[in-house]
PDB file of N, CA and C in Angstrom:
ATOM      1  N   MET A   1       0.061   5.057 -11.303  1.00  0.00           N
ATOM      2  CA  MET A   1       0.546   4.597 -12.586  1.00  0.00           C
ATOM      3  C   MET A   1      -0.641   4.359 -13.499  1.00  0.00           C
ATOM      4  N   PRO A   2      -0.707   5.045 -14.596  1.00  0.00           N
ATOM      5  CA  PRO A   2      -1.827   4.793 -15.506  1.00  0.00           C
ATOM      6  C   PRO A   2      -1.624   3.502 -16.299  1.00  0.00           C
ATOM      7  N   SER A   3      -2.722   2.805 -16.510  1.00  0.00           N
ATOM      8  CA  SER A   3      -2.671   1.652 -17.404  1.00  0.00           C
ATOM      9  C   SER A   3      -2.502   2.178 -18.828  1.00  0.00           C
ATOM     10  N   PRO A   4      -2.117   1.329 -19.753  1.00  0.00           N
ATOM     11  CA  PRO A   4      -1.989   1.798 -21.140  1.00  0.00           C
ATOM     12  C   PRO A   4      -3.286   2.439 -21.660  1.00  0.00           C
ATOM     13  N   ALA A   5      -4.434   1.939 -21.227  1.00  0.00           N
ATOM     14  CA  ALA A   5      -5.715   2.493 -21.676  1.00  0.00           C
ATOM     15  C   ALA A   5      -5.962   3.903 -21.146  1.00  0.00           C
ATOM     16  N   ARG A   6      -5.325   4.266 -20.029  1.00  0.00           N
ATOM     17  CA  ARG A   6      -5.540   5.585 -19.410  1.00  0.00           C
ATOM     18  C   ARG A   6      -4.344   6.523 -19.545  1.00  0.00           C
ATOM     19  N   ARG A   7      -3.347   6.086 -20.225  1.00  0.00           N
ATOM     20  CA  ARG A   7      -2.124   6.892 -20.350  1.00  0.00           C
ATOM     21  C   ARG A   7      -2.397   8.278 -20.941  1.00  0.00           C
ATOM     22  N   ALA A   8      -3.330   8.382 -21.860  1.00  0.00           N
ATOM     23  CA  ALA A   8      -3.636   9.658 -22.510  1.00  0.00           C
ATOM     24  C   ALA A   8      -4.215  10.680 -21.533  1.00  0.00           C
ATOM     25  N   GLN A   9      -4.641  10.256 -20.342  1.00  0.00           N
ATOM     26  CA  GLN A   9      -5.159  11.176 -19.333  1.00  0.00           C
ATOM     27  C   GLN A   9      -4.034  11.907 -18.598  1.00  0.00           C
ATOM     28  N   TYR A  10      -2.802  11.541 -18.898  1.00  0.00           N
ATOM     29  CA  TYR A  10      -1.635  12.137 -18.253  1.00  0.00           C
ATOM     30  C   TYR A  10      -0.876  12.989 -19.251  1.00  0.00           C
ATOM     31  N   PRO A  11      -0.296  14.114 -18.816  1.00  0.00           N
ATOM     32  CA  PRO A  11       0.469  14.952 -19.737  1.00  0.00           C
ATOM     33  C   PRO A  11       1.642  14.171 -20.361  1.00  0.00           C
ATOM     34  N   LYS A  12       1.842  14.348 -21.648  1.00  0.00           N
ATOM     35  CA  LYS A  12       2.909  13.629 -22.356  1.00  0.00           C
ATOM     36  C   LYS A  12       4.282  13.899 -21.760  1.00  0.00           C
ATOM     37  N   ARG A  13       4.480  15.075 -21.189  1.00  0.00           N
ATOM     38  CA  ARG A  13       5.800  15.401 -20.622  1.00  0.00           C
ATOM     39  C   ARG A  13       6.147  14.489 -19.442  1.00  0.00           C
ATOM     40  N   TRP A  14       5.144  13.847 -18.834  1.00  0.00           N
ATOM     41  CA  TRP A  14       5.379  12.951 -17.699  1.00  0.00           C
ATOM     42  C   TRP A  14       5.575  11.499 -18.135  1.00  0.00           C
ATOM     43  N   TRP A  15       5.291  11.161 -19.364  1.00  0.00           N
ATOM     44  CA  TRP A  15       5.392   9.779 -19.799  1.00  0.00           C
ATOM     45  C   TRP A  15       6.776   9.173 -19.592  1.00  0.00           C
ATOM     46  N   PRO A  16       7.871   9.862 -19.914  1.00  0.00           N
ATOM     47  CA  PRO A  16       9.190   9.260 -19.673  1.00  0.00           C
ATOM     48  C   PRO A  16       9.412   8.950 -18.184  1.00  0.00           C
ATOM     49  N   TRP A  17       8.964   9.842 -17.311  1.00  0.00           N
ATOM     50  CA  TRP A  17       9.116   9.598 -15.876  1.00  0.00           C
ATOM     51  C   TRP A  17       8.293   8.381 -15.468  1.00  0.00           C
ATOM     52  N   LEU A  18       7.060   8.296 -15.935  1.00  0.00           N
ATOM     53  CA  LEU A  18       6.210   7.143 -15.605  1.00  0.00           C
ATOM     54  C   LEU A  18       6.830   5.848 -16.107  1.00  0.00           C
ATOM     55  N   ASP A  19       7.438   5.880 -17.281  1.00  0.00           N
ATOM     56  CA  ASP A  19       8.077   4.684 -17.836  1.00  0.00           C
ATOM     57  C   ASP A  19       9.232   4.198 -16.966  1.00  0.00           C
ATOM     58  N   ASP A  20       9.857   5.101 -16.219  1.00  0.00           N
ATOM     59  CA  ASP A  20      11.001   4.736 -15.384  1.00  0.00           C
ATOM     60  C   ASP A  20      10.627   4.227 -13.994  1.00  0.00           C
ATOM     61  N   VAL A  21       9.342   4.276 -13.630  1.00  0.00           N
ATOM     62  CA  VAL A  21       8.931   3.773 -12.310  1.00  0.00           C
ATOM     63  C   VAL A  21       9.132   2.262 -12.293  1.00  0.00           C
ATOM     64  N   PRO A  22       9.878   1.745 -11.300  1.00  0.00           N
ATOM     65  CA  PRO A  22      10.118   0.300 -11.244  1.00  0.00           C
ATOM     66  C   PRO A  22       8.802  -0.486 -11.140  1.00  0.00           C
ATOM     67  N   GLU A  23       8.771  -1.616 -11.771  1.00  0.00           N
ATOM     68  CA  GLU A  23       7.569  -2.462 -11.808  1.00  0.00           C
ATOM     69  C   GLU A  23       6.986  -2.736 -10.421  1.00  0.00           C
ATOM     70  N   GLN A  24       7.839  -3.022  -9.444  1.00  0.00           N
ATOM     71  CA  GLN A  24       7.373  -3.357  -8.101  1.00  0.00           C
ATOM     72  C   GLN A  24       6.781  -2.152  -7.357  1.00  0.00           C
ATOM     73  N   GLU A  25       6.979  -0.950  -7.874  1.00  0.00           N
ATOM     74  CA  GLU A  25       6.440   0.251  -7.236  1.00  0.00           C
ATOM     75  C   GLU A  25       5.181   0.771  -7.929  1.00  0.00           C
ATOM     76  N   ARG A  26       4.755   0.104  -8.954  1.00  0.00           N
ATOM     77  CA  ARG A  26       3.596   0.570  -9.722  1.00  0.00           C
ATOM     78  C   ARG A  26       2.287   0.110  -9.085  1.00  0.00           C
ATOM     79  N   ASP A  27       1.331   0.998  -9.064  1.00  0.00           N
ATOM     80  CA  ASP A  27      -0.028   0.704  -8.618  1.00  0.00           C
ATOM     81  C   ASP A  27      -0.930   1.111  -9.779  1.00  0.00           C
ATOM     82  N   GLU A  28      -1.055   0.207 -10.737  1.00  0.00           N
ATOM     83  CA  GLU A  28      -1.740   0.544 -11.977  1.00  0.00           C
ATOM     84  C   GLU A  28      -3.162   1.030 -11.722  1.00  0.00           C
ATOM     85  N   ASP A  29      -3.450   2.215 -12.252  1.00  0.00           N
ATOM     86  CA  ASP A  29      -4.745   2.895 -12.103  1.00  0.00           C
ATOM     87  C   ASP A  29      -5.152   3.072 -10.644  1.00  0.00           C
ATOM     88  N   ALA A  30      -4.159   3.133  -9.758  1.00  0.00           N
ATOM     89  CA  ALA A  30      -4.363   3.407  -8.331  1.00  0.00           C
ATOM     90  C   ALA A  30      -5.329   2.429  -7.665  1.00  0.00           C
ATOM     91  N   VAL A  31      -5.244   1.170  -8.034  1.00  0.00           N
ATOM     92  CA  VAL A  31      -6.129   0.151  -7.459  1.00  0.00           C
ATOM     93  C   VAL A  31      -5.922   0.037  -5.949  1.00  0.00           C
ATOM     94  N   GLU A  32      -4.664  -0.030  -5.517  1.00  0.00           N
ATOM     95  CA  GLU A  32      -4.390  -0.170  -4.079  1.00  0.00           C
ATOM     96  C   GLU A  32      -4.742   1.103  -3.316  1.00  0.00           C
ATOM     97  N   LEU A  33      -4.418   2.264  -3.875  1.00  0.00           N
ATOM     98  CA  LEU A  33      -4.770   3.528  -3.214  1.00  0.00           C
ATOM     99  C   LEU A  33      -6.288   3.665  -3.105  1.00  0.00           C
ATOM    100  N   SER A  34      -6.993   3.330  -4.167  1.00  0.00           N
ATOM    101  CA  SER A  34      -8.456   3.416  -4.148  1.00  0.00           C
ATOM    102  C   SER A  34      -9.054   2.496  -3.092  1.00  0.00           C
ATOM    103  N   ALA A  35      -8.433   1.342  -2.883  1.00  0.00           N
ATOM    104  CA  ALA A  35      -8.928   0.399  -1.875  1.00  0.00           C
ATOM    105  C   ALA A  35      -8.781   0.955  -0.461  1.00  0.00           C
ATOM    106  N   ALA A  36      -7.843   1.878  -0.245  1.00  0.00           N
ATOM    107  CA  ALA A  36      -7.640   2.461   1.087  1.00  0.00           C
ATOM    108  C   ALA A  36      -8.673   3.537   1.412  1.00  0.00           C
ATOM    109  N   LEU A  37      -9.271   4.141   0.398  1.00  0.00           N
ATOM    110  CA  LEU A  37     -10.206   5.244   0.637  1.00  0.00           C
ATOM    111  C   LEU A  37     -11.421   4.875   1.492  1.00  0.00           C
ATOM    112  N   PRO A  38     -12.061   3.735   1.287  1.00  0.00           N
ATOM    113  CA  PRO A  38     -13.209   3.415   2.142  1.00  0.00           C
ATOM    114  C   PRO A  38     -12.842   3.347   3.630  1.00  0.00           C
ATOM    115  N   HIS A  39     -11.644   2.861   3.926  1.00  0.00           N
ATOM    116  CA  HIS A  39     -11.209   2.812   5.328  1.00  0.00           C
ATOM    117  C   HIS A  39     -10.867   4.212   5.841  1.00  0.00           C
ATOM    118  N   LEU A  40     -10.031   4.921   5.107  1.00  0.00           N
ATOM    119  CA  LEU A  40      -9.599   6.239   5.564  1.00  0.00           C
ATOM    120  C   LEU A  40     -10.747   7.233   5.619  1.00  0.00           C
ATOM    121  N   GLY A  41     -11.683   7.132   4.692  1.00  0.00           N
ATOM    122  CA  GLY A  41     -12.788   8.076   4.641  1.00  0.00           C
ATOM    123  C   GLY A  41     -14.034   7.624   5.370  1.00  0.00           C
ATOM    124  N   ALA A  42     -13.958   6.514   6.103  1.00  0.00           N
ATOM    125  CA  ALA A  42     -15.140   6.028   6.825  1.00  0.00           C
ATOM    126  C   ALA A  42     -15.500   6.984   7.956  1.00  0.00           C
ATOM    127  N   VAL A  43     -16.775   7.315   8.043  1.00  0.00           N
ATOM    128  CA  VAL A  43     -17.260   8.145   9.141  1.00  0.00           C
ATOM    129  C   VAL A  43     -18.252   7.322   9.950  1.00  0.00           C
ATOM    130  N   GLY A  44     -18.364   7.657  11.216  1.00  0.00           N
ATOM    131  CA  GLY A  44     -19.265   6.921  12.092  1.00  0.00           C
ATOM    132  C   GLY A  44     -19.708   7.798  13.235  1.00  0.00           C
ATOM    133  N   GLY A  45     -20.198   7.150  14.271  1.00  0.00           N
ATOM    134  CA  GLY A  45     -20.717   7.874  15.420  1.00  0.00           C
ATOM    135  C   GLY A  45     -19.651   8.440  16.330  1.00  0.00           C
ATOM    136  N   GLN A  46     -18.408   8.056  16.108  1.00  0.00           N
ATOM    137  CA  GLN A  46     -17.338   8.496  16.998  1.00  0.00           C
ATOM    138  C   GLN A  46     -16.176   9.056  16.170  1.00  0.00           C
ATOM    139  N   ASP A  47     -15.623  10.176  16.625  1.00  0.00           N
ATOM    140  CA  ASP A  47     -14.477  10.756  15.939  1.00  0.00           C
ATOM    141  C   ASP A  47     -13.280   9.816  16.028  1.00  0.00           C
ATOM    142  N   ARG A  48     -12.467   9.843  14.994  1.00  0.00           N
ATOM    143  CA  ARG A  48     -11.223   9.077  15.016  1.00  0.00           C
ATOM    144  C   ARG A  48     -10.198   9.788  14.161  1.00  0.00           C
ATOM    145  N   CYS A  49      -8.959   9.479  14.391  1.00  0.00           N
ATOM    146  CA  CYS A  49      -7.856  10.031  13.609  1.00  0.00           C
ATOM    147  C   CYS A  49      -7.034   8.881  13.070  1.00  0.00           C
ATOM    148  N   GLU A  50      -6.579   9.029  11.852  1.00  0.00           N
ATOM    149  CA  GLU A  50      -5.687   8.056  11.233  1.00  0.00           C
ATOM    150  C   GLU A  50      -4.420   8.801  10.848  1.00  0.00           C
ATOM    151  N   LEU A  51      -3.293   8.262  11.224  1.00  0.00           N
ATOM    152  CA  LEU A  51      -2.015   8.836  10.830  1.00  0.00           C
ATOM    153  C   LEU A  51      -1.460   7.967   9.700  1.00  0.00           C
ATOM    154  N   VAL A  52      -1.233   8.592   8.571  1.00  0.00           N
ATOM    155  CA  VAL A  52      -0.677   7.897   7.414  1.00  0.00           C
ATOM    156  C   VAL A  52       0.662   8.546   7.096  1.00  0.00           C
ATOM    157  N   VAL A  53       1.719   7.783   7.190  1.00  0.00           N
ATOM    158  CA  VAL A  53       3.057   8.276   6.871  1.00  0.00           C
ATOM    159  C   VAL A  53       3.426   7.652   5.535  1.00  0.00           C
ATOM    160  N   THR A  54       3.649   8.512   4.553  1.00  0.00           N
ATOM    161  CA  THR A  54       3.899   7.998   3.215  1.00  0.00           C
ATOM    162  C   THR A  54       4.684   9.010   2.386  1.00  0.00           C
ATOM    163  N   HIS A  55       4.736   8.786   1.116  1.00  0.00           N
ATOM    164  CA  HIS A  55       5.522   9.613   0.212  1.00  0.00           C
ATOM    165  C   HIS A  55       4.691  10.700  -0.465  1.00  0.00           C
ATOM    166  N   ASN A  56       5.379  11.635  -1.047  1.00  0.00           N
ATOM    167  CA  ASN A  56       4.800  12.798  -1.710  1.00  0.00           C
ATOM    168  C   ASN A  56       3.658  12.449  -2.658  1.00  0.00           C
ATOM    169  N   PHE A  57       3.882  11.554  -3.588  1.00  0.00           N
ATOM    170  CA  PHE A  57       2.869  11.302  -4.604  1.00  0.00           C
ATOM    171  C   PHE A  57       1.643  10.595  -4.043  1.00  0.00           C
ATOM    172  N   VAL A  58       1.811   9.802  -2.989  1.00  0.00           N
ATOM    173  CA  VAL A  58       0.650   9.154  -2.366  1.00  0.00           C
ATOM    174  C   VAL A  58      -0.230  10.204  -1.704  1.00  0.00           C
ATOM    175  N   ILE A  59       0.381  11.115  -0.964  1.00  0.00           N
ATOM    176  CA  ILE A  59      -0.380  12.211  -0.358  1.00  0.00           C
ATOM    177  C   ILE A  59      -1.037  13.040  -1.454  1.00  0.00           C
ATOM    178  N   GLY A  60      -0.292  13.357  -2.497  1.00  0.00           N
ATOM    179  CA  GLY A  60      -0.852  14.111  -3.613  1.00  0.00           C
ATOM    180  C   GLY A  60      -2.038  13.416  -4.241  1.00  0.00           C
ATOM    181  N   TRP A  61      -1.971  12.088  -4.355  1.00  0.00           N
ATOM    182  CA  TRP A  61      -3.087  11.333  -4.932  1.00  0.00           C
ATOM    183  C   TRP A  61      -4.329  11.460  -4.054  1.00  0.00           C
ATOM    184  N   PHE A  62      -4.174  11.272  -2.726  1.00  0.00           N
ATOM    185  CA  PHE A  62      -5.324  11.397  -1.820  1.00  0.00           C
ATOM    186  C   PHE A  62      -5.917  12.808  -1.888  1.00  0.00           C
ATOM    187  N   VAL A  63      -5.068  13.816  -1.865  1.00  0.00           N
ATOM    188  CA  VAL A  63      -5.543  15.199  -1.922  1.00  0.00           C
ATOM    189  C   VAL A  63      -6.261  15.458  -3.252  1.00  0.00           C
ATOM    190  N   SER A  64      -5.711  14.988  -4.342  1.00  0.00           N
ATOM    191  CA  SER A  64      -6.364  15.228  -5.635  1.00  0.00           C
ATOM    192  C   SER A  64      -7.712  14.530  -5.718  1.00  0.00           C
ATOM    193  N   ARG A  65      -7.860  13.374  -5.088  1.00  0.00           N
ATOM    194  CA  ARG A  65      -9.160  12.694  -5.070  1.00  0.00           C
ATOM    195  C   ARG A  65     -10.171  13.493  -4.240  1.00  0.00           C
ATOM    196  N   VAL A  66      -9.737  13.968  -3.074  1.00  0.00           N
ATOM    197  CA  VAL A  66     -10.628  14.755  -2.221  1.00  0.00           C
ATOM    198  C   VAL A  66     -11.074  16.020  -2.945  1.00  0.00           C
ATOM    199  N   LEU A  67     -10.163  16.645  -3.674  1.00  0.00           N
ATOM    200  CA  LEU A  67     -10.488  17.873  -4.400  1.00  0.00           C
ATOM    201  C   LEU A  67     -11.164  17.603  -5.744  1.00  0.00           C
ATOM    202  N   GLN A  68     -11.354  16.338  -6.071  1.00  0.00           N
ATOM    203  CA  GLN A  68     -11.971  15.918  -7.322  1.00  0.00           C
ATOM    204  C   GLN A  68     -11.255  16.513  -8.539  1.00  0.00           C
ATOM    205  N   ALA A  69      -9.946  16.515  -8.453  1.00  0.00           N
ATOM    206  CA  ALA A  69      -9.096  17.010  -9.538  1.00  0.00           C
ATOM    207  C   ALA A  69      -9.026  15.967 -10.656  1.00  0.00           C
ATOM    208  N   PRO A  70      -8.518  16.338 -11.810  1.00  0.00           N
ATOM    209  CA  PRO A  70      -8.319  15.347 -12.874  1.00  0.00           C
ATOM    210  C   PRO A  70      -7.440  14.200 -12.377  1.00  0.00           C
ATOM    211  N   VAL A  71      -7.566  13.059 -13.014  1.00  0.00           N
ATOM    212  CA  VAL A  71      -6.876  11.844 -12.570  1.00  0.00           C
ATOM    213  C   VAL A  71      -5.365  12.051 -12.433  1.00  0.00           C
ATOM    214  N   SER A  72      -4.786  12.931 -13.233  1.00  0.00           N
ATOM    215  CA  SER A  72      -3.346  13.178 -13.146  1.00  0.00           C
ATOM    216  C   SER A  72      -3.009  14.316 -12.178  1.00  0.00           C
ATOM    217  N   GLY A  73      -3.985  14.823 -11.452  1.00  0.00           N
ATOM    218  CA  GLY A  73      -3.769  15.975 -10.573  1.00  0.00           C
ATOM    219  C   GLY A  73      -2.698  15.772  -9.521  1.00  0.00           C
ATOM    220  N   TRP A  74      -2.509  14.557  -9.078  1.00  0.00           N
ATOM    221  CA  TRP A  74      -1.513  14.268  -8.048  1.00  0.00           C
ATOM    222  C   TRP A  74      -0.102  14.603  -8.498  1.00  0.00           C
ATOM    223  N   MET A  75       0.124  14.588  -9.788  1.00  0.00           N
ATOM    224  CA  MET A  75       1.478  14.806 -10.292  1.00  0.00           C
ATOM    225  C   MET A  75       1.934  16.253 -10.138  1.00  0.00           C
ATOM    226  N   GLY A  76       1.003  17.167  -9.995  1.00  0.00           N
ATOM    227  CA  GLY A  76       1.358  18.569  -9.847  1.00  0.00           C
ATOM    228  C   GLY A  76       1.465  19.028  -8.410  1.00  0.00           C
ATOM    229  N   LEU A  77       1.160  18.151  -7.458  1.00  0.00           N
ATOM    230  CA  LEU A  77       1.241  18.509  -6.042  1.00  0.00           C
ATOM    231  C   LEU A  77       2.575  18.043  -5.486  1.00  0.00           C
ATOM    232  N   ASP A  78       3.353  18.973  -5.034  1.00  0.00           N
ATOM    233  CA  ASP A  78       4.682  18.660  -4.521  1.00  0.00           C
ATOM    234  C   ASP A  78       4.725  19.051  -3.055  1.00  0.00           C
ATOM    235  N   SER A  79       5.170  18.150  -2.219  1.00  0.00           N
ATOM    236  CA  SER A  79       5.217  18.457  -0.787  1.00  0.00           C
ATOM    237  C   SER A  79       6.611  18.209  -0.226  1.00  0.00           C
ATOM    238  N   ALA A  80       6.890  18.907   0.858  1.00  0.00           N
ATOM    239  CA  ALA A  80       8.193  18.823   1.516  1.00  0.00           C
ATOM    240  C   ALA A  80       8.271  17.591   2.415  1.00  0.00           C
ATOM    241  N   ASN A  81       9.497  17.183   2.728  1.00  0.00           N
ATOM    242  CA  ASN A  81       9.684  16.140   3.732  1.00  0.00           C
ATOM    243  C   ASN A  81       9.093  16.630   5.046  1.00  0.00           C
ATOM    244  N   CYS A  82       8.366  15.784   5.730  1.00  0.00           N
ATOM    245  CA  CYS A  82       7.752  16.054   7.029  1.00  0.00           C
ATOM    246  C   CYS A  82       6.595  17.049   6.965  1.00  0.00           C
ATOM    247  N   GLY A  83       6.131  17.388   5.772  1.00  0.00           N
ATOM    248  CA  GLY A  83       4.979  18.271   5.658  1.00  0.00           C
ATOM    249  C   GLY A  83       3.725  17.557   6.138  1.00  0.00           C
ATOM    250  N   LEU A  84       2.863  18.265   6.838  1.00  0.00           N
ATOM    251  CA  LEU A  84       1.614  17.700   7.341  1.00  0.00           C
ATOM    252  C   LEU A  84       0.462  18.060   6.414  1.00  0.00           C
ATOM    253  N   THR A  85      -0.307  17.060   6.083  1.00  0.00           N
ATOM    254  CA  THR A  85      -1.525  17.252   5.312  1.00  0.00           C
ATOM    255  C   THR A  85      -2.663  16.668   6.127  1.00  0.00           C
ATOM    256  N   ILE A  86      -3.724  17.426   6.281  1.00  0.00           N
ATOM    257  CA  ILE A  86      -4.882  16.965   7.049  1.00  0.00           C
ATOM    258  C   ILE A  86      -6.093  16.971   6.130  1.00  0.00           C
ATOM    259  N   VAL A  87      -6.751  15.817   6.046  1.00  0.00           N
ATOM    260  CA  VAL A  87      -7.989  15.674   5.294  1.00  0.00           C
ATOM    261  C   VAL A  87      -9.073  15.292   6.283  1.00  0.00           C
ATOM    262  N   ARG A  88     -10.211  15.962   6.197  1.00  0.00           N
ATOM    263  CA  ARG A  88     -11.300  15.696   7.137  1.00  0.00           C
ATOM    264  C   ARG A  88     -12.511  15.150   6.392  1.00  0.00           C
ATOM    265  N   TRP A  89     -12.998  14.011   6.892  1.00  0.00           N
ATOM    266  CA  TRP A  89     -14.241  13.429   6.417  1.00  0.00           C
ATOM    267  C   TRP A  89     -15.261  13.565   7.537  1.00  0.00           C
ATOM    268  N   GLU A  90     -16.451  14.078   7.216  1.00  0.00           N
ATOM    269  CA  GLU A  90     -17.525  14.221   8.185  1.00  0.00           C
ATOM    270  C   GLU A  90     -18.821  13.703   7.577  1.00  0.00           C
ATOM    271  N   SER A  91     -19.671  13.131   8.414  1.00  0.00           N
ATOM    272  CA  SER A  91     -20.962  12.629   7.932  1.00  0.00           C
ATOM    273  C   SER A  91     -21.757  13.756   7.283  1.00  0.00           C
ATOM    274  N   GLY A  92     -22.332  13.461   6.129  1.00  0.00           N
ATOM    275  CA  GLY A  92     -23.192  14.413   5.457  1.00  0.00           C
ATOM    276  C   GLY A  92     -22.490  15.557   4.758  1.00  0.00           C
ATOM    277  N   ARG A  93     -21.165  15.531   4.720  1.00  0.00           N
ATOM    278  CA  ARG A  93     -20.414  16.610   4.069  1.00  0.00           C
ATOM    279  C   ARG A  93     -19.382  16.008   3.127  1.00  0.00           C
ATOM    280  N   THR A  94     -18.998  16.785   2.140  1.00  0.00           N
ATOM    281  CA  THR A  94     -17.922  16.321   1.271  1.00  0.00           C
ATOM    282  C   THR A  94     -16.604  16.433   2.039  1.00  0.00           C
ATOM    283  N   PRO A  95     -15.669  15.538   1.781  1.00  0.00           N
ATOM    284  CA  PRO A  95     -14.382  15.646   2.479  1.00  0.00           C
ATOM    285  C   PRO A  95     -13.667  16.923   2.085  1.00  0.00           C
ATOM    286  N   ASN A  96     -12.830  17.424   2.969  1.00  0.00           N
ATOM    287  CA  ASN A  96     -12.079  18.629   2.623  1.00  0.00           C
ATOM    288  C   ASN A  96     -10.639  18.541   3.108  1.00  0.00           C
ATOM    289  N   VAL A  97      -9.800  19.294   2.424  1.00  0.00           N
ATOM    290  CA  VAL A  97      -8.394  19.385   2.789  1.00  0.00           C
ATOM    291  C   VAL A  97      -8.278  20.540   3.775  1.00  0.00           C
ATOM    292  N   VAL A  98      -7.928  20.218   5.015  1.00  0.00           N
ATOM    293  CA  VAL A  98      -7.783  21.231   6.048  1.00  0.00           C
ATOM    294  C   VAL A  98      -6.458  21.969   5.882  1.00  0.00           C
ATOM    295  N   THR A  99      -5.410  21.212   5.628  1.00  0.00           N
ATOM    296  CA  THR A  99      -4.092  21.796   5.377  1.00  0.00           C
ATOM    297  C   THR A  99      -3.318  20.861   4.460  1.00  0.00           C
ATOM    298  N   PHE A 100      -2.476  21.451   3.629  1.00  0.00           N
ATOM    299  CA  PHE A 100      -1.622  20.666   2.738  1.00  0.00           C
ATOM    300  C   PHE A 100      -0.183  21.107   2.918  1.00  0.00           C
ATOM    301  N   ASN A 101       0.683  20.165   3.214  1.00  0.00           N
ATOM    302  CA  ASN A 101       2.120  20.391   3.260  1.00  0.00           C
ATOM    303  C   ASN A 101       2.526  21.452   4.284  1.00  0.00           C
ATOM    304  N   ASP A 102       1.880  21.453   5.423  1.00  0.00           N
ATOM    305  CA  ASP A 102       2.222  22.403   6.488  1.00  0.00           C
ATOM    306  C   ASP A 102       3.566  22.000   7.100  1.00  0.00           C
ATOM    307  N   THR A 103       4.523  22.904   7.072  1.00  0.00           N
ATOM    308  CA  THR A 103       5.847  22.627   7.635  1.00  0.00           C
ATOM    309  C   THR A 103       6.151  23.553   8.820  1.00  0.00           C
ATOM    310  N   GLY A 104       5.137  24.234   9.339  1.00  0.00           N
ATOM    311  CA  GLY A 104       5.323  25.162  10.442  1.00  0.00           C
ATOM    312  C   GLY A 104       5.879  24.514  11.697  1.00  0.00           C
ATOM    313  N   HIS A 105       5.664  23.236  11.889  1.00  0.00           N
ATOM    314  CA  HIS A 105       6.152  22.528  13.066  1.00  0.00           C
ATOM    315  C   HIS A 105       7.658  22.291  13.007  1.00  0.00           C
ATOM    316  N   LEU A 106       8.245  22.455  11.842  1.00  0.00           N
ATOM    317  CA  LEU A 106       9.682  22.236  11.712  1.00  0.00           C
ATOM    318  C   LEU A 106      10.397  23.461  12.163  1.00  0.00           C
TER     319      LEU A 106
END
């Protein structure tokens, strides 16, 4: 959810949809999502896996951050129910999207 100061970074065609998001579901300027990145993207001496089960736009937000897309990039990523997205963080490398919205297991 963009704050009023950042609303212009989002396409105007999405403004009515953003206005309809219930107050309790808003994460203004992705403060809570941004707080999760240091944990999810932490690398260390031992491999680990994190399973995050969430909704389409949350996955889209993480993927758009990894791809360094514009701040509104998450809005254009649409994924299916039960689609698998894998993001890999490795020491000394930029994170990468291994797969997005893979539904082959279904």
